[in-house]
Amino acid sequence: MVSVWFTSISKRDVQQLQSTYEEFLGKIRPNAVGLVDAFDFRDEILNSTLGASDGRVYERLIEEVLKSPLNAEPVNQSFHKFLKPLMQGKL
């Protein structure tokens, strides 16, 4: 029965669902912090860099950024490959 339902979803249905979802998010956004606080989730459960209750927003943000493979080297290879030649006028 479930597979029949999934095969009958049209592109328009998906677009309408996406639109309704985005509209709903827009409505609850002003209250997002209050809603999360109301459920009293621990920081470990939320796993949020910006939403931790310890006030270390910038320190946590830097810690997370440094974990990214893109930041493993001081200047990413893509800079040297694509941007540096453009900046030096050597296309």
N, C-alpha and C. Protein backbone atom coordinates (compact mmCIF):
# COMPACT_ATOMS: atom_id res chain seq x y z
N MET A 1 0.82 -1.19 0.00
CA MET A 1 0.00 0.00 0.00
C MET A 1 0.86 1.26 0.00
N VAL A 2 1.93 1.27 0.79
CA VAL A 2 2.79 2.44 0.87
C VAL A 2 3.47 2.71 -0.46
N SER A 3 3.95 1.66 -1.13
CA SER A 3 4.64 1.85 -2.40
C SER A 3 3.72 2.46 -3.45
N VAL A 4 2.44 2.14 -3.40
CA VAL A 4 1.47 2.73 -4.33
C VAL A 4 1.38 4.23 -4.09
N TRP A 5 1.38 4.63 -2.82
CA TRP A 5 1.29 6.05 -2.48
C TRP A 5 2.50 6.80 -3.01
N PHE A 6 3.69 6.22 -2.83
CA PHE A 6 4.90 6.90 -3.27
C PHE A 6 4.97 7.02 -4.79
N THR A 7 4.43 6.09 -5.51
CA THR A 7 4.47 6.17 -6.97
C THR A 7 3.46 7.17 -7.51
N SER A 8 2.55 7.63 -6.68
CA SER A 8 1.54 8.57 -7.17
C SER A 8 1.87 10.02 -6.82
N ILE A 9 3.04 10.28 -6.28
CA ILE A 9 3.43 11.66 -5.97
C ILE A 9 3.93 12.32 -7.24
N SER A 10 3.34 13.43 -7.57
CA SER A 10 3.75 14.14 -8.77
C SER A 10 4.81 15.19 -8.44
N LYS A 11 5.39 15.71 -9.48
CA LYS A 11 6.38 16.78 -9.31
C LYS A 11 5.71 17.98 -8.64
N ARG A 12 4.49 18.25 -9.01
CA ARG A 12 3.74 19.37 -8.42
C ARG A 12 3.52 19.14 -6.92
N ASP A 13 3.24 17.89 -6.53
CA ASP A 13 3.07 17.57 -5.11
C ASP A 13 4.34 17.86 -4.32
N VAL A 14 5.47 17.48 -4.88
CA VAL A 14 6.75 17.70 -4.21
C VAL A 14 7.03 19.20 -4.11
N GLN A 15 6.76 19.93 -5.17
CA GLN A 15 6.97 21.38 -5.15
C GLN A 15 6.07 22.05 -4.10
N GLN A 16 4.82 21.59 -4.01
CA GLN A 16 3.90 22.15 -3.03
C GLN A 16 4.37 21.82 -1.61
N LEU A 17 4.84 20.61 -1.41
CA LEU A 17 5.36 20.22 -0.10
C LEU A 17 6.56 21.08 0.28
N GLN A 18 7.47 21.29 -0.66
CA GLN A 18 8.65 22.13 -0.41
C GLN A 18 8.22 23.56 -0.08
N SER A 19 7.28 24.08 -0.82
CA SER A 19 6.80 25.44 -0.58
C SER A 19 6.15 25.58 0.80
N THR A 20 5.33 24.61 1.16
CA THR A 20 4.67 24.62 2.47
C THR A 20 5.70 24.50 3.59
N TYR A 21 6.68 23.65 3.39
CA TYR A 21 7.76 23.46 4.36
C TYR A 21 8.52 24.77 4.58
N GLU A 22 8.91 25.43 3.50
CA GLU A 22 9.65 26.68 3.60
C GLU A 22 8.80 27.78 4.24
N GLU A 23 7.52 27.81 3.92
CA GLU A 23 6.61 28.79 4.53
C GLU A 23 6.52 28.56 6.04
N PHE A 24 6.40 27.31 6.44
CA PHE A 24 6.33 26.97 7.86
C PHE A 24 7.61 27.36 8.59
N LEU A 25 8.76 27.07 7.97
CA LEU A 25 10.04 27.45 8.59
C LEU A 25 10.13 28.96 8.77
N GLY A 26 9.64 29.71 7.79
CA GLY A 26 9.63 31.16 7.91
C GLY A 26 8.78 31.65 9.06
N LYS A 27 7.69 30.94 9.31
CA LYS A 27 6.80 31.35 10.40
C LYS A 27 7.37 31.03 11.78
N ILE A 28 8.07 29.91 11.90
CA ILE A 28 8.59 29.54 13.22
C ILE A 28 9.98 30.11 13.50
N ARG A 29 10.65 30.62 12.45
CA ARG A 29 12.02 31.11 12.63
C ARG A 29 12.16 32.14 13.75
N PRO A 30 11.27 33.14 13.86
CA PRO A 30 11.44 34.11 14.95
C PRO A 30 11.39 33.48 16.34
N ASN A 31 10.80 32.30 16.44
CA ASN A 31 10.65 31.64 17.73
C ASN A 31 11.55 30.42 17.89
N ALA A 32 12.49 30.23 16.96
CA ALA A 32 13.30 29.01 16.96
C ALA A 32 14.07 28.82 18.26
N VAL A 33 14.72 29.87 18.74
CA VAL A 33 15.51 29.74 19.97
C VAL A 33 14.60 29.40 21.14
N GLY A 34 13.48 30.08 21.24
CA GLY A 34 12.53 29.81 22.33
C GLY A 34 11.98 28.40 22.27
N LEU A 35 11.69 27.91 21.06
CA LEU A 35 11.17 26.54 20.91
C LEU A 35 12.21 25.51 21.36
N VAL A 36 13.44 25.70 20.92
CA VAL A 36 14.50 24.76 21.32
C VAL A 36 14.71 24.82 22.82
N ASP A 37 14.76 26.04 23.37
CA ASP A 37 14.93 26.18 24.82
C ASP A 37 13.79 25.54 25.59
N ALA A 38 12.58 25.62 25.05
CA ALA A 38 11.41 25.06 25.73
C ALA A 38 11.52 23.54 25.89
N PHE A 39 12.16 22.89 24.92
CA PHE A 39 12.33 21.44 25.01
C PHE A 39 13.51 21.08 25.90
N ASP A 40 14.34 22.05 26.26
CA ASP A 40 15.45 21.88 27.19
C ASP A 40 16.42 20.77 26.76
N PHE A 41 16.74 20.75 25.45
CA PHE A 41 17.72 19.79 24.96
C PHE A 41 19.10 20.16 25.48
N ARG A 42 19.88 19.16 25.84
CA ARG A 42 21.26 19.39 26.27
C ARG A 42 22.11 19.75 25.04
N ASP A 43 23.20 20.47 25.28
CA ASP A 43 24.10 20.86 24.20
C ASP A 43 24.61 19.65 23.43
N GLU A 44 24.87 18.54 24.13
CA GLU A 44 25.38 17.33 23.48
C GLU A 44 24.37 16.76 22.49
N ILE A 45 23.10 16.92 22.77
CA ILE A 45 22.05 16.42 21.88
C ILE A 45 21.92 17.33 20.66
N LEU A 46 21.93 18.64 20.88
CA LEU A 46 21.79 19.59 19.78
C LEU A 46 22.99 19.56 18.85
N ASN A 47 24.17 19.37 19.42
CA ASN A 47 25.41 19.37 18.65
C ASN A 47 25.50 20.62 17.76
N SER A 48 25.20 21.76 18.35
CA SER A 48 25.18 23.02 17.63
C SER A 48 26.39 23.87 17.98
N THR A 49 27.11 24.28 16.96
CA THR A 49 28.27 25.13 17.18
C THR A 49 27.83 26.49 17.71
N LEU A 50 26.80 27.05 17.13
CA LEU A 50 26.35 28.39 17.51
C LEU A 50 25.36 28.40 18.66
N GLY A 51 24.70 27.29 18.91
CA GLY A 51 23.63 27.28 19.90
C GLY A 51 24.00 26.74 21.26
N ALA A 52 25.27 26.57 21.53
CA ALA A 52 25.69 26.05 22.83
C ALA A 52 25.44 27.09 23.92
N SER A 53 25.17 26.62 25.10
CA SER A 53 24.81 27.52 26.20
C SER A 53 26.00 28.06 26.97
N ASP A 54 27.22 27.65 26.60
CA ASP A 54 28.39 28.09 27.38
C ASP A 54 28.93 29.45 26.96
N GLY A 55 28.37 30.06 25.91
CA GLY A 55 28.80 31.38 25.49
C GLY A 55 30.07 31.43 24.66
N ARG A 56 30.62 30.27 24.32
CA ARG A 56 31.87 30.21 23.55
C ARG A 56 31.59 30.10 22.05
N VAL A 57 30.76 30.99 21.53
CA VAL A 57 30.33 30.91 20.14
C VAL A 57 31.51 30.95 19.18
N TYR A 58 32.36 31.95 19.30
CA TYR A 58 33.45 32.12 18.33
C TYR A 58 34.51 31.05 18.47
N GLU A 59 34.81 30.65 19.69
CA GLU A 59 35.78 29.58 19.88
C GLU A 59 35.28 28.28 19.26
N ARG A 60 34.01 27.97 19.49
CA ARG A 60 33.42 26.75 18.92
C ARG A 60 33.39 26.82 17.39
N LEU A 61 33.09 27.99 16.85
CA LEU A 61 33.04 28.16 15.41
C LEU A 61 34.42 27.91 14.79
N ILE A 62 35.46 28.47 15.37
CA ILE A 62 36.82 28.25 14.88
C ILE A 62 37.20 26.78 15.00
N GLU A 63 36.85 26.13 16.10
CA GLU A 63 37.15 24.70 16.27
C GLU A 63 36.51 23.87 15.17
N GLU A 64 35.26 24.18 14.83
CA GLU A 64 34.56 23.43 13.79
C GLU A 64 35.15 23.70 12.41
N VAL A 65 35.49 24.94 12.14
CA VAL A 65 36.08 25.30 10.85
C VAL A 65 37.40 24.58 10.65
N LEU A 66 38.20 24.48 11.69
CA LEU A 66 39.50 23.83 11.58
C LEU A 66 39.39 22.32 11.36
N LYS A 67 38.24 21.74 11.65
CA LYS A 67 38.03 20.30 11.42
C LYS A 67 37.81 19.98 9.95
N SER A 68 37.44 20.98 9.16
CA SER A 68 37.13 20.75 7.75
C SER A 68 38.39 20.39 6.97
N PRO A 69 38.31 19.38 6.10
CA PRO A 69 39.46 19.02 5.27
C PRO A 69 39.92 20.19 4.38
N LEU A 70 39.01 21.08 4.04
CA LEU A 70 39.38 22.23 3.22
C LEU A 70 40.35 23.16 3.93
N ASN A 71 40.37 23.09 5.25
CA ASN A 71 41.24 23.96 6.03
C ASN A 71 42.45 23.24 6.59
N ALA A 72 42.79 22.10 6.01
CA ALA A 72 43.92 21.30 6.49
C ALA A 72 45.26 21.96 6.18
N GLU A 73 45.28 22.82 5.17
CA GLU A 73 46.51 23.52 4.80
C GLU A 73 46.26 25.02 4.87
N PRO A 74 47.31 25.82 5.08
CA PRO A 74 47.12 27.27 5.24
C PRO A 74 46.42 27.92 4.05
N VAL A 75 46.84 27.56 2.83
CA VAL A 75 46.19 28.06 1.62
C VAL A 75 45.79 26.86 0.79
N ASN A 76 44.53 26.74 0.52
CA ASN A 76 44.00 25.59 -0.21
C ASN A 76 44.58 25.52 -1.62
N GLN A 77 44.75 24.29 -2.11
CA GLN A 77 45.30 24.07 -3.45
C GLN A 77 44.48 24.75 -4.53
N SER A 78 43.18 24.82 -4.33
CA SER A 78 42.32 25.44 -5.35
C SER A 78 42.65 26.92 -5.54
N PHE A 79 43.13 27.58 -4.50
CA PHE A 79 43.55 28.98 -4.65
C PHE A 79 44.70 29.07 -5.65
N HIS A 80 45.73 28.23 -5.44
CA HIS A 80 46.90 28.27 -6.32
C HIS A 80 46.54 27.84 -7.75
N LYS A 81 45.61 26.93 -7.87
CA LYS A 81 45.26 26.40 -9.19
C LYS A 81 44.36 27.35 -9.98
N PHE A 82 43.39 27.99 -9.32
CA PHE A 82 42.39 28.77 -10.04
C PHE A 82 42.46 30.28 -9.80
N LEU A 83 42.57 30.68 -8.56
CA LEU A 83 42.48 32.11 -8.25
C LEU A 83 43.79 32.88 -8.45
N LYS A 84 44.88 32.30 -8.03
CA LYS A 84 46.16 33.00 -8.13
C LYS A 84 46.50 33.39 -9.57
N PRO A 85 46.33 32.48 -10.55
CA PRO A 85 46.60 32.88 -11.94
C PRO A 85 45.70 34.04 -12.40
N LEU A 86 44.47 34.05 -11.97
CA LEU A 86 43.57 35.16 -12.33
C LEU A 86 44.04 36.46 -11.71
N MET A 87 44.48 36.40 -10.48
CA MET A 87 44.92 37.60 -9.78
C MET A 87 46.23 38.15 -10.36
N GLN A 88 47.02 37.28 -10.95
CA GLN A 88 48.29 37.70 -11.54
C GLN A 88 48.15 38.01 -13.02
N GLY A 89 46.96 37.82 -13.56
CA GLY A 89 46.71 38.10 -14.97
C GLY A 89 47.36 37.09 -15.91
N LYS A 90 47.59 35.88 -15.42
CA LYS A 90 48.21 34.83 -16.24
C LYS A 90 47.18 33.76 -16.55
N LEU A 91 46.33 34.04 -17.50
CA LEU A 91 45.30 33.06 -17.85
C LEU A 91 45.90 32.06 -18.76
